Full PDB file with SEQRES, HELIX, SHEET, SSBOND, CRYST1, ORIGX, SCALE, CONECT and MASTER records, all heavy atoms in Angstrom:
SEQRES   1 A   30  TRP VAL LYS GLU ASN ILE ALA ASN PHE GLY GLY ASP PRO          
SEQRES   2 A   30  SER ASN VAL THR ILE ALA GLY GLU SER ALA GLY GLY MET          
SEQRES   3 A   30  SER VAL GLY THR                                              
HELIX    1 AA1 VAL A    2  ASN A    5  1                                   4    
HELIX    2 AA2 ILE A    6  PHE A    9  5                                   4    
HELIX    3 AA3 ALA A   23  GLY A   29  1                                   7    
CRYST1    1.000    1.000    1.000  90.00  90.00  90.00 P 1           1          
ORIGX1      1.000000  0.000000  0.000000        0.00000                         
ORIGX2      0.000000  1.000000  0.000000        0.00000                         
ORIGX3      0.000000  0.000000  1.000000        0.00000                         
SCALE1      1.000000  0.000000  0.000000        0.00000                         
SCALE2      0.000000  1.000000  0.000000        0.00000                         
SCALE3      0.000000  0.000000  1.000000        0.00000                         
ATOM      1  N   TRP A   1       7.847  -3.870  -9.007  1.00  0.00           N  
ATOM      2  CA  TRP A   1       8.719  -4.896  -9.573  1.00  0.00           C  
ATOM      3  C   TRP A   1       7.879  -6.003 -10.208  1.00  0.00           C  
ATOM      4  O   TRP A   1       8.191  -6.492 -11.308  1.00  0.00           O  
ATOM      5  CB  TRP A   1       9.627  -5.479  -8.495  1.00  0.00           C  
ATOM      6  CG  TRP A   1      10.623  -6.470  -9.017  1.00  0.00           C  
ATOM      7  CD1 TRP A   1      11.913  -6.236  -9.367  1.00  0.00           C  
ATOM      8  CD2 TRP A   1      10.385  -7.879  -9.278  1.00  0.00           C  
ATOM      9  NE1 TRP A   1      12.505  -7.400  -9.821  1.00  0.00           N  
ATOM     10  CE2 TRP A   1      11.589  -8.413  -9.785  1.00  0.00           C  
ATOM     11  CE3 TRP A   1       9.285  -8.714  -9.122  1.00  0.00           C  
ATOM     12  CZ2 TRP A   1      11.716  -9.758 -10.132  1.00  0.00           C  
ATOM     13  CZ3 TRP A   1       9.402 -10.049  -9.484  1.00  0.00           C  
ATOM     14  CH2 TRP A   1      10.612 -10.556  -9.974  1.00  0.00           C  
ATOM     15  N   VAL A   2       6.819  -6.404  -9.522  1.00  0.00           N  
ATOM     16  CA  VAL A   2       5.943  -7.454 -10.048  1.00  0.00           C  
ATOM     17  C   VAL A   2       5.353  -7.034 -11.386  1.00  0.00           C  
ATOM     18  O   VAL A   2       5.339  -7.816 -12.351  1.00  0.00           O  
ATOM     19  CB  VAL A   2       4.836  -7.782  -9.027  1.00  0.00           C  
ATOM     20  CG1 VAL A   2       3.751  -8.653  -9.671  1.00  0.00           C  
ATOM     21  CG2 VAL A   2       5.424  -8.495  -7.816  1.00  0.00           C  
ATOM     22  N   LYS A   3       4.862  -5.824 -11.459  1.00  0.00           N  
ATOM     23  CA  LYS A   3       4.262  -5.348 -12.715  1.00  0.00           C  
ATOM     24  C   LYS A   3       5.269  -5.385 -13.856  1.00  0.00           C  
ATOM     25  O   LYS A   3       4.939  -5.755 -14.987  1.00  0.00           O  
ATOM     26  CB  LYS A   3       3.723  -3.925 -12.539  1.00  0.00           C  
ATOM     27  CG  LYS A   3       3.030  -3.362 -13.784  1.00  0.00           C  
ATOM     28  CD  LYS A   3       2.470  -1.986 -13.540  1.00  0.00           C  
ATOM     29  CE  LYS A   3       1.787  -1.417 -14.778  1.00  0.00           C  
ATOM     30  NZ  LYS A   3       0.616  -2.230 -15.200  1.00  0.00           N  
ATOM     31  N   GLU A   4       6.517  -5.040 -13.568  1.00  0.00           N  
ATOM     32  CA  GLU A   4       7.538  -4.942 -14.611  1.00  0.00           C  
ATOM     33  C   GLU A   4       8.124  -6.295 -15.008  1.00  0.00           C  
ATOM     34  O   GLU A   4       8.612  -6.440 -16.132  1.00  0.00           O  
ATOM     35  CB  GLU A   4       8.673  -4.030 -14.134  1.00  0.00           C  
ATOM     36  CG  GLU A   4       8.251  -2.583 -13.953  1.00  0.00           C  
ATOM     37  CD  GLU A   4       9.361  -1.738 -13.351  1.00  0.00           C  
ATOM     38  OE1 GLU A   4      10.364  -2.337 -12.855  1.00  0.00           O  
ATOM     39  OE2 GLU A   4       9.242  -0.505 -13.356  1.00  0.00           O  
ATOM     40  N   ASN A   5       8.074  -7.272 -14.122  1.00  0.00           N  
ATOM     41  CA  ASN A   5       8.853  -8.496 -14.349  1.00  0.00           C  
ATOM     42  C   ASN A   5       8.081  -9.808 -14.302  1.00  0.00           C  
ATOM     43  O   ASN A   5       8.596 -10.824 -14.760  1.00  0.00           O  
ATOM     44  CB  ASN A   5       9.983  -8.576 -13.304  1.00  0.00           C  
ATOM     45  CG  ASN A   5      10.992  -7.476 -13.450  1.00  0.00           C  
ATOM     46  OD1 ASN A   5      11.866  -7.528 -14.312  1.00  0.00           O  
ATOM     47  ND2 ASN A   5      10.882  -6.443 -12.608  1.00  0.00           N  
ATOM     48  N   ILE A   6       6.883  -9.804 -13.752  1.00  0.00           N  
ATOM     49  CA  ILE A   6       6.235 -11.081 -13.467  1.00  0.00           C  
ATOM     50  C   ILE A   6       5.860 -11.849 -14.726  1.00  0.00           C  
ATOM     51  O   ILE A   6       5.726 -13.091 -14.693  1.00  0.00           O  
ATOM     52  CB  ILE A   6       4.997 -10.878 -12.566  1.00  0.00           C  
ATOM     53  CG1 ILE A   6       4.700 -12.147 -11.768  1.00  0.00           C  
ATOM     54  CG2 ILE A   6       3.783 -10.420 -13.377  1.00  0.00           C  
ATOM     55  CD1 ILE A   6       5.789 -12.536 -10.805  1.00  0.00           C  
ATOM     56  N   ALA A   7       5.715 -11.166 -15.860  1.00  0.00           N  
ATOM     57  CA  ALA A   7       5.386 -11.871 -17.106  1.00  0.00           C  
ATOM     58  C   ALA A   7       6.475 -12.870 -17.468  1.00  0.00           C  
ATOM     59  O   ALA A   7       6.197 -13.925 -18.053  1.00  0.00           O  
ATOM     60  CB  ALA A   7       5.179 -10.865 -18.235  1.00  0.00           C  
ATOM     61  N   ASN A   8       7.727 -12.576 -17.113  1.00  0.00           N  
ATOM     62  CA  ASN A   8       8.833 -13.486 -17.417  1.00  0.00           C  
ATOM     63  C   ASN A   8       8.825 -14.724 -16.531  1.00  0.00           C  
ATOM     64  O   ASN A   8       9.568 -15.680 -16.792  1.00  0.00           O  
ATOM     65  CB  ASN A   8      10.168 -12.758 -17.265  1.00  0.00           C  
ATOM     66  CG  ASN A   8      10.353 -11.667 -18.293  1.00  0.00           C  
ATOM     67  OD1 ASN A   8       9.709 -11.680 -19.342  1.00  0.00           O  
ATOM     68  ND2 ASN A   8      11.221 -10.716 -18.005  1.00  0.00           N  
ATOM     69  N   PHE A   9       7.993 -14.700 -15.501  1.00  0.00           N  
ATOM     70  CA  PHE A   9       7.868 -15.849 -14.599  1.00  0.00           C  
ATOM     71  C   PHE A   9       6.536 -16.581 -14.796  1.00  0.00           C  
ATOM     72  O   PHE A   9       6.154 -17.416 -13.980  1.00  0.00           O  
ATOM     73  CB  PHE A   9       7.983 -15.389 -13.144  1.00  0.00           C  
ATOM     74  CG  PHE A   9       9.327 -14.823 -12.792  1.00  0.00           C  
ATOM     75  CD1 PHE A   9       9.626 -13.485 -13.039  1.00  0.00           C  
ATOM     76  CD2 PHE A   9      10.313 -15.625 -12.226  1.00  0.00           C  
ATOM     77  CE1 PHE A   9      10.868 -12.955 -12.714  1.00  0.00           C  
ATOM     78  CE2 PHE A   9      11.559 -15.109 -11.902  1.00  0.00           C  
ATOM     79  CZ  PHE A   9      11.832 -13.774 -12.150  1.00  0.00           C  
ATOM     80  N   GLY A  10       5.829 -16.245 -15.875  1.00  0.00           N  
ATOM     81  CA  GLY A  10       4.561 -16.909 -16.170  1.00  0.00           C  
ATOM     82  C   GLY A  10       3.360 -16.253 -15.544  1.00  0.00           C  
ATOM     83  O   GLY A  10       2.283 -16.855 -15.483  1.00  0.00           O  
ATOM     84  N   GLY A  11       3.505 -15.005 -15.069  1.00  0.00           N  
ATOM     85  CA  GLY A  11       2.395 -14.299 -14.446  1.00  0.00           C  
ATOM     86  C   GLY A  11       1.812 -13.221 -15.336  1.00  0.00           C  
ATOM     87  O   GLY A  11       2.474 -12.708 -16.244  1.00  0.00           O  
ATOM     88  N   ASP A  12       0.566 -12.862 -15.067  1.00  0.00           N  
ATOM     89  CA  ASP A  12      -0.142 -11.839 -15.826  1.00  0.00           C  
ATOM     90  C   ASP A  12      -0.106 -10.524 -15.035  1.00  0.00           C  
ATOM     91  O   ASP A  12      -0.762 -10.398 -14.002  1.00  0.00           O  
ATOM     92  CB  ASP A  12      -1.586 -12.275 -16.049  1.00  0.00           C  
ATOM     93  CG  ASP A  12      -2.384 -11.266 -16.859  1.00  0.00           C  
ATOM     94  OD1 ASP A  12      -1.834 -10.212 -17.222  1.00  0.00           O  
ATOM     95  OD2 ASP A  12      -3.581 -11.528 -17.111  1.00  0.00           O  
ATOM     96  N   PRO A  13       0.656  -9.521 -15.484  1.00  0.00           N  
ATOM     97  CA  PRO A  13       0.747  -8.258 -14.737  1.00  0.00           C  
ATOM     98  C   PRO A  13      -0.547  -7.469 -14.698  1.00  0.00           C  
ATOM     99  O   PRO A  13      -0.664  -6.517 -13.932  1.00  0.00           O  
ATOM    100  CB  PRO A  13       1.849  -7.496 -15.486  1.00  0.00           C  
ATOM    101  CG  PRO A  13       1.854  -8.077 -16.858  1.00  0.00           C  
ATOM    102  CD  PRO A  13       1.484  -9.527 -16.693  1.00  0.00           C  
ATOM    103  N   SER A  14      -1.526  -7.866 -15.507  1.00  0.00           N  
ATOM    104  CA  SER A  14      -2.826  -7.193 -15.491  1.00  0.00           C  
ATOM    105  C   SER A  14      -3.833  -7.921 -14.608  1.00  0.00           C  
ATOM    106  O   SER A  14      -5.014  -7.573 -14.596  1.00  0.00           O  
ATOM    107  CB  SER A  14      -3.379  -7.077 -16.919  1.00  0.00           C  
ATOM    108  OG  SER A  14      -3.683  -8.359 -17.448  1.00  0.00           O  
ATOM    109  N   ASN A  15      -3.367  -8.919 -13.870  1.00  0.00           N  
ATOM    110  CA  ASN A  15      -4.258  -9.691 -12.985  1.00  0.00           C  
ATOM    111  C   ASN A  15      -3.506 -10.021 -11.687  1.00  0.00           C  
ATOM    112  O   ASN A  15      -3.137 -11.163 -11.444  1.00  0.00           O  
ATOM    113  CB  ASN A  15      -4.724 -10.964 -13.689  1.00  0.00           C  
ATOM    114  CG  ASN A  15      -5.800 -11.695 -12.903  1.00  0.00           C  
ATOM    115  OD1 ASN A  15      -6.263 -11.229 -11.867  1.00  0.00           O  
ATOM    116  ND2 ASN A  15      -6.197 -12.868 -13.403  1.00  0.00           N  
ATOM    117  N   VAL A  16      -3.278  -8.991 -10.879  1.00  0.00           N  
ATOM    118  CA  VAL A  16      -2.514  -9.125  -9.647  1.00  0.00           C  
ATOM    119  C   VAL A  16      -3.422  -8.914  -8.442  1.00  0.00           C  
ATOM    120  O   VAL A  16      -4.132  -7.898  -8.362  1.00  0.00           O  
ATOM    121  CB  VAL A  16      -1.349  -8.118  -9.588  1.00  0.00           C  
ATOM    122  CG1 VAL A  16      -0.617  -8.211  -8.254  1.00  0.00           C  
ATOM    123  CG2 VAL A  16      -0.391  -8.353 -10.753  1.00  0.00           C  
ATOM    124  N   THR A  17      -3.415  -9.870  -7.532  1.00  0.00           N  
ATOM    125  CA  THR A  17      -4.163  -9.760  -6.278  1.00  0.00           C  
ATOM    126  C   THR A  17      -3.188  -9.610  -5.121  1.00  0.00           C  
ATOM    127  O   THR A  17      -2.220 -10.365  -5.033  1.00  0.00           O  
ATOM    128  CB  THR A  17      -5.028 -11.012  -6.036  1.00  0.00           C  
ATOM    129  OG1 THR A  17      -5.979 -11.140  -7.097  1.00  0.00           O  
ATOM    130  CG2 THR A  17      -5.771 -10.920  -4.706  1.00  0.00           C  
ATOM    131  N   ILE A  18      -3.422  -8.626  -4.253  1.00  0.00           N  
ATOM    132  CA  ILE A  18      -2.632  -8.515  -3.035  1.00  0.00           C  
ATOM    133  C   ILE A  18      -3.422  -9.136  -1.895  1.00  0.00           C  
ATOM    134  O   ILE A  18      -4.653  -9.024  -1.831  1.00  0.00           O  
ATOM    135  CB  ILE A  18      -2.266  -7.053  -2.707  1.00  0.00           C  
ATOM    136  CG1 ILE A  18      -3.521  -6.190  -2.548  1.00  0.00           C  
ATOM    137  CG2 ILE A  18      -1.355  -6.484  -3.781  1.00  0.00           C  
ATOM    138  CD1 ILE A  18      -3.241  -4.777  -2.046  1.00  0.00           C  
ATOM    139  N   ALA A  19      -2.736  -9.817  -0.998  1.00  0.00           N  
ATOM    140  CA  ALA A  19      -3.394 -10.465   0.130  1.00  0.00           C  
ATOM    141  C   ALA A  19      -2.465 -10.441   1.327  1.00  0.00           C  
ATOM    142  O   ALA A  19      -1.234 -10.460   1.178  1.00  0.00           O  
ATOM    143  CB  ALA A  19      -3.769 -11.918  -0.211  1.00  0.00           C  
ATOM    144  N   GLY A  20      -3.048 -10.398   2.523  1.00  0.00           N  
ATOM    145  CA  GLY A  20      -2.231 -10.405   3.724  1.00  0.00           C  
ATOM    146  C   GLY A  20      -3.070 -10.657   4.954  1.00  0.00           C  
ATOM    147  O   GLY A  20      -4.296 -10.498   4.932  1.00  0.00           O  
ATOM    148  N   GLU A  21      -2.410 -11.055   6.041  1.00  0.00           N  
ATOM    149  CA  GLU A  21      -3.115 -11.281   7.302  1.00  0.00           C  
ATOM    150  C   GLU A  21      -2.475 -10.447   8.406  1.00  0.00           C  
ATOM    151  O   GLU A  21      -1.281 -10.160   8.370  1.00  0.00           O  
ATOM    152  CB  GLU A  21      -3.121 -12.771   7.678  1.00  0.00           C  
ATOM    153  CG  GLU A  21      -1.754 -13.432   7.756  1.00  0.00           C  
ATOM    154  CD  GLU A  21      -1.081 -13.283   9.090  1.00  0.00           C  
ATOM    155  OE1 GLU A  21      -1.794 -13.054  10.084  1.00  0.00           O  
ATOM    156  OE2 GLU A  21       0.167 -13.362   9.148  1.00  0.00           O  
ATOM    157  N   SER A  22      -3.298 -10.042   9.375  1.00  0.00           N  
ATOM    158  CA  SER A  22      -2.854  -9.221  10.499  1.00  0.00           C  
ATOM    159  C   SER A  22      -2.228  -7.934   9.969  1.00  0.00           C  
ATOM    160  O   SER A  22      -2.899  -7.168   9.283  1.00  0.00           O  
ATOM    161  CB  SER A  22      -1.892 -10.019  11.378  1.00  0.00           C  
ATOM    162  OG  SER A  22      -1.647  -9.363  12.602  1.00  0.00           O  
ATOM    163  N   ALA A  23      -0.953  -7.670  10.265  1.00  0.00           N  
ATOM    164  CA  ALA A  23      -0.318  -6.469   9.727  1.00  0.00           C  
ATOM    165  C   ALA A  23      -0.361  -6.473   8.207  1.00  0.00           C  
ATOM    166  O   ALA A  23      -0.432  -5.413   7.573  1.00  0.00           O  
ATOM    167  CB  ALA A  23       1.124  -6.374  10.215  1.00  0.00           C  
ATOM    168  N   GLY A  24      -0.315  -7.663   7.615  1.00  0.00           N  
ATOM    169  CA  GLY A  24      -0.443  -7.757   6.166  1.00  0.00           C  
ATOM    170  C   GLY A  24      -1.817  -7.338   5.698  1.00  0.00           C  
ATOM    171  O   GLY A  24      -1.966  -6.707   4.642  1.00  0.00           O  
ATOM    172  N   GLY A  25      -2.856  -7.679   6.478  1.00  0.00           N  
ATOM    173  CA  GLY A  25      -4.207  -7.236   6.152  1.00  0.00           C  
ATOM    174  C   GLY A  25      -4.345  -5.732   6.276  1.00  0.00           C  
ATOM    175  O   GLY A  25      -5.005  -5.076   5.459  1.00  0.00           O  
ATOM    176  N   MET A  26      -3.718  -5.163   7.313  1.00  0.00           N  
ATOM    177  CA  MET A  26      -3.711  -3.701   7.452  1.00  0.00           C  
ATOM    178  C   MET A  26      -2.970  -3.056   6.293  1.00  0.00           C  
ATOM    179  O   MET A  26      -3.360  -1.984   5.804  1.00  0.00           O  
ATOM    180  CB  MET A  26      -3.049  -3.318   8.767  1.00  0.00           C  
ATOM    181  CG  MET A  26      -3.814  -3.747   9.993  1.00  0.00           C  
ATOM    182  SD  MET A  26      -2.974  -3.220  11.509  1.00  0.00           S  
ATOM    183  CE  MET A  26      -4.031  -3.984  12.744  1.00  0.00           C  
ATOM    184  N   SER A  27      -1.907  -3.701   5.849  1.00  0.00           N  
ATOM    185  CA  SER A  27      -1.163  -3.194   4.695  1.00  0.00           C  
ATOM    186  C   SER A  27      -2.041  -3.177   3.452  1.00  0.00           C  
ATOM    187  O   SER A  27      -1.998  -2.228   2.658  1.00  0.00           O  
ATOM    188  CB  SER A  27       0.080  -4.050   4.453  1.00  0.00           C  
ATOM    189  OG  SER A  27       0.980  -3.982   5.530  1.00  0.00           O  
ATOM    190  N   VAL A  28      -2.846  -4.222   3.274  1.00  0.00           N  
ATOM    191  CA  VAL A  28      -3.763  -4.264   2.136  1.00  0.00           C  
ATOM    192  C   VAL A  28      -4.707  -3.071   2.180  1.00  0.00           C  
ATOM    193  O   VAL A  28      -4.943  -2.388   1.167  1.00  0.00           O  
ATOM    194  CB  VAL A  28      -4.559  -5.584   2.126  1.00  0.00           C  
ATOM    195  CG1 VAL A  28      -5.699  -5.516   1.116  1.00  0.00           C  
ATOM    196  CG2 VAL A  28      -3.644  -6.753   1.798  1.00  0.00           C  
ATOM    197  N   GLY A  29      -5.258  -2.772   3.379  1.00  0.00           N  
ATOM    198  CA  GLY A  29      -6.142  -1.618   3.514  1.00  0.00           C  
ATOM    199  C   GLY A  29      -5.435  -0.319   3.166  1.00  0.00           C  
ATOM    200  O   GLY A  29      -6.005   0.568   2.519  1.00  0.00           O  
ATOM    201  N   THR A  30      -4.188  -0.198   3.583  1.00  0.00           N  
ATOM    202  CA  THR A  30      -3.410   1.007   3.282  1.00  0.00           C  
ATOM    203  C   THR A  30      -3.147   1.130   1.787  1.00  0.00           C  
ATOM    204  O   THR A  30      -3.275   2.218   1.202  1.00  0.00           O  
ATOM    205  CB  THR A  30      -2.078   0.985   4.043  1.00  0.00           C  
ATOM    206  OG1 THR A  30      -2.332   0.873   5.446  1.00  0.00           O  
ATOM    207  CG2 THR A  30      -1.281   2.248   3.787  1.00  0.00           C  
TER     208      THR A  30                                                      
MASTER        0    0    0    3    0    0    0    6  207    1    0    3          
END                                                                             
């Protein structure tokens, strides 16, 4: 969804960073 829509919110779909902590950090690894 972010890739398809974030440009309309002022974001660059070619420059996306995922981040998370604890289970979110494990999700990043996955």
